[in-house]
């Protein structure tokens, strides 16, 4: 419902931040492209939590089940009408869930 406003707010945040260094961007992208942390994630013995948006195009909702398959102790909460930034679009629910997790 608030996707356009959420994008506008994210763009404002990004514009107000200092420009990232090219080395940081390329190193981050290289990491995402080449590292596979699934084995490490499956071996975690500490509590792991995630808050997801059901309408997220970047981290699809199908990924939550796959993450839980890797580590059954992984606890996820899905906000039904949220996309990739539920901390912006569904701030109250996000904070409530976060407090419960903590």
C-alpha atoms as a PDB file:
ATOM      1  CA  UNK A   1       0.000   0.000   0.000  1.00  0.00           C
ATOM      2  CA  UNK A   2       2.832   2.397   0.796  1.00  0.00           C
ATOM      3  CA  UNK A   3       5.408   1.167  -1.735  1.00  0.00           C
ATOM      4  CA  UNK A   4       5.825   4.493  -3.552  1.00  0.00           C
ATOM      5  CA  UNK A   5       6.211   6.401  -0.286  1.00  0.00           C
ATOM      6  CA  UNK A   6       8.633   3.763   1.052  1.00  0.00           C
ATOM      7  CA  UNK A   7      10.825   4.039  -2.051  1.00  0.00           C
ATOM      8  CA  UNK A   8      10.785   7.822  -1.773  1.00  0.00           C
ATOM      9  CA  UNK A   9      11.871   7.605   1.873  1.00  0.00           C
ATOM     10  CA  UNK A  10      14.662   5.123   1.066  1.00  0.00           C
ATOM     11  CA  UNK A  11      15.929   7.391  -1.710  1.00  0.00           C
ATOM     12  CA  UNK A  12      16.034  10.308   0.748  1.00  0.00           C
ATOM     13  CA  UNK A  13      18.038   8.213   3.221  1.00  0.00           C
ATOM     14  CA  UNK A  14      20.466   7.171   0.494  1.00  0.00           C
ATOM     15  CA  UNK A  15      20.911  10.723  -0.803  1.00  0.00           C
ATOM     16  CA  UNK A  16      21.649  11.995   2.711  1.00  0.00           C
ATOM     17  CA  UNK A  17      24.394   9.402   3.276  1.00  0.00           C
ATOM     18  CA  UNK A  18      27.964   9.909   2.078  1.00  0.00           C
ATOM     19  CA  UNK A  19      28.851   8.312  -1.252  1.00  0.00           C
ATOM     20  CA  UNK A  20      30.100   4.759  -0.785  1.00  0.00           C
ATOM     21  CA  UNK A  21      33.648   3.994  -1.824  1.00  0.00           C
ATOM     22  CA  UNK A  22      33.893   1.947  -4.998  1.00  0.00           C
ATOM     23  CA  UNK A  23      36.090  -0.653  -3.281  1.00  0.00           C
ATOM     24  CA  UNK A  24      33.408  -1.220  -0.633  1.00  0.00           C
ATOM     25  CA  UNK A  25      30.715  -1.737  -3.280  1.00  0.00           C
ATOM     26  CA  UNK A  26      32.793  -4.072  -5.433  1.00  0.00           C
ATOM     27  CA  UNK A  27      33.988  -6.061  -2.412  1.00  0.00           C
ATOM     28  CA  UNK A  28      30.420  -6.438  -1.148  1.00  0.00           C
ATOM     29  CA  UNK A  29      29.119  -7.521  -4.546  1.00  0.00           C
ATOM     30  CA  UNK A  30      32.014  -9.941  -4.944  1.00  0.00           C
ATOM     31  CA  UNK A  31      31.207 -11.443  -1.541  1.00  0.00           C
ATOM     32  CA  UNK A  32      27.530 -11.898  -2.456  1.00  0.00           C
ATOM     33  CA  UNK A  33      28.487 -13.489  -5.755  1.00  0.00           C
ATOM     34  CA  UNK A  34      31.189 -15.870  -4.519  1.00  0.00           C
ATOM     35  CA  UNK A  35      30.583 -16.822  -0.878  1.00  0.00           C
ATOM     36  CA  UNK A  36      28.343 -19.694   0.161  1.00  0.00           C
ATOM     37  CA  UNK A  37      27.590 -19.505   3.887  1.00  0.00           C
ATOM     38  CA  UNK A  38      24.881 -22.165   3.975  1.00  0.00           C
ATOM     39  CA  UNK A  39      27.059 -24.745   5.742  1.00  0.00           C
ATOM     40  CA  UNK A  40      28.124 -22.240   8.402  1.00  0.00           C
ATOM     41  CA  UNK A  41      24.524 -21.137   8.868  1.00  0.00           C
ATOM     42  CA  UNK A  42      23.368 -24.716   9.329  1.00  0.00           C
ATOM     43  CA  UNK A  43      25.952 -25.204  12.088  1.00  0.00           C
ATOM     44  CA  UNK A  44      24.972 -22.160  14.159  1.00  0.00           C
ATOM     45  CA  UNK A  45      24.019 -23.006  17.723  1.00  0.00           C
ATOM     46  CA  UNK A  46      22.891 -19.522  18.721  1.00  0.00           C
ATOM     47  CA  UNK A  47      19.357 -18.191  18.209  1.00  0.00           C
ATOM     48  CA  UNK A  48      18.855 -16.679  14.766  1.00  0.00           C
ATOM     49  CA  UNK A  49      15.832 -14.555  13.889  1.00  0.00           C
ATOM     50  CA  UNK A  50      14.557 -12.882  10.759  1.00  0.00           C
ATOM     51  CA  UNK A  51      11.745 -10.512   9.868  1.00  0.00           C
ATOM     52  CA  UNK A  52      10.591 -10.746   6.270  1.00  0.00           C
ATOM     53  CA  UNK A  53       8.066  -9.108   3.997  1.00  0.00           C
ATOM     54  CA  UNK A  54       5.734 -11.478   2.153  1.00  0.00           C
ATOM     55  CA  UNK A  55       5.882  -9.224  -0.928  1.00  0.00           C
ATOM     56  CA  UNK A  56       9.680  -8.906  -0.999  1.00  0.00           C
ATOM     57  CA  UNK A  57      11.071  -9.283  -4.526  1.00  0.00           C
ATOM     58  CA  UNK A  58      14.728  -9.250  -3.412  1.00  0.00           C
ATOM     59  CA  UNK A  59      14.362 -11.979  -0.747  1.00  0.00           C
ATOM     60  CA  UNK A  60      11.339 -13.971  -1.918  1.00  0.00           C
ATOM     61  CA  UNK A  61       9.096 -15.544   0.706  1.00  0.00           C
ATOM     62  CA  UNK A  62      10.086 -18.987  -0.643  1.00  0.00           C
ATOM     63  CA  UNK A  63      13.568 -18.325   0.737  1.00  0.00           C
ATOM     64  CA  UNK A  64      12.283 -18.385   4.344  1.00  0.00           C
ATOM     65  CA  UNK A  65      11.411 -22.089   4.121  1.00  0.00           C
ATOM     66  CA  UNK A  66      14.810 -22.839   2.579  1.00  0.00           C
ATOM     67  CA  UNK A  67      16.530 -20.927   5.391  1.00  0.00           C
ATOM     68  CA  UNK A  68      14.535 -22.902   7.959  1.00  0.00           C
ATOM     69  CA  UNK A  69      15.534 -26.137   6.203  1.00  0.00           C
ATOM     70  CA  UNK A  70      19.179 -25.166   6.706  1.00  0.00           C
ATOM     71  CA  UNK A  71      18.749 -24.463  10.413  1.00  0.00           C
ATOM     72  CA  UNK A  72      15.561 -25.650  12.149  1.00  0.00           C
ATOM     73  CA  UNK A  73      16.293 -23.295  15.066  1.00  0.00           C
ATOM     74  CA  UNK A  74      15.920 -20.306  12.753  1.00  0.00           C
ATOM     75  CA  UNK A  75      12.900 -18.236  13.815  1.00  0.00           C
ATOM     76  CA  UNK A  76      11.159 -16.177  11.154  1.00  0.00           C
ATOM     77  CA  UNK A  77       8.300 -13.723  11.203  1.00  0.00           C
ATOM     78  CA  UNK A  78       6.645 -12.750   7.924  1.00  0.00           C
ATOM     79  CA  UNK A  79       4.759  -9.467   7.662  1.00  0.00           C
ATOM     80  CA  UNK A  80       1.991 -10.166   5.104  1.00  0.00           C
ATOM     81  CA  UNK A  81       1.748  -6.875   3.186  1.00  0.00           C
ATOM     82  CA  UNK A  82       5.374  -5.777   3.538  1.00  0.00           C
ATOM     83  CA  UNK A  83       8.089  -5.860   0.914  1.00  0.00           C
ATOM     84  CA  UNK A  84      11.871  -5.573   1.422  1.00  0.00           C
ATOM     85  CA  UNK A  85      11.818  -2.787   4.003  1.00  0.00           C
ATOM     86  CA  UNK A  86       9.211  -3.679   6.636  1.00  0.00           C
ATOM     87  CA  UNK A  87      11.054  -1.478   9.122  1.00  0.00           C
ATOM     88  CA  UNK A  88       9.827   1.465   7.020  1.00  0.00           C
ATOM     89  CA  UNK A  89       6.461   0.336   5.640  1.00  0.00           C
ATOM     90  CA  UNK A  90       5.264  -1.502   8.764  1.00  0.00           C
ATOM     91  CA  UNK A  91       7.285   0.231  11.445  1.00  0.00           C
ATOM     92  CA  UNK A  92       4.957  -0.491  14.389  1.00  0.00           C
ATOM     93  CA  UNK A  93       4.597  -4.197  13.615  1.00  0.00           C
ATOM     94  CA  UNK A  94       8.324  -4.493  12.906  1.00  0.00           C
ATOM     95  CA  UNK A  95       9.223  -2.929  16.266  1.00  0.00           C
ATOM     96  CA  UNK A  96       6.703  -5.126  18.084  1.00  0.00           C
ATOM     97  CA  UNK A  97       8.117  -8.295  16.520  1.00  0.00           C
ATOM     98  CA  UNK A  98      11.690  -7.159  17.103  1.00  0.00           C
ATOM     99  CA  UNK A  99      10.992  -6.552  20.792  1.00  0.00           C
ATOM    100  CA  UNK A 100       9.425 -10.007  21.084  1.00  0.00           C
ATOM    101  CA  UNK A 101      12.488 -11.554  19.458  1.00  0.00           C
ATOM    102  CA  UNK A 102      14.848  -9.700  21.761  1.00  0.00           C
END
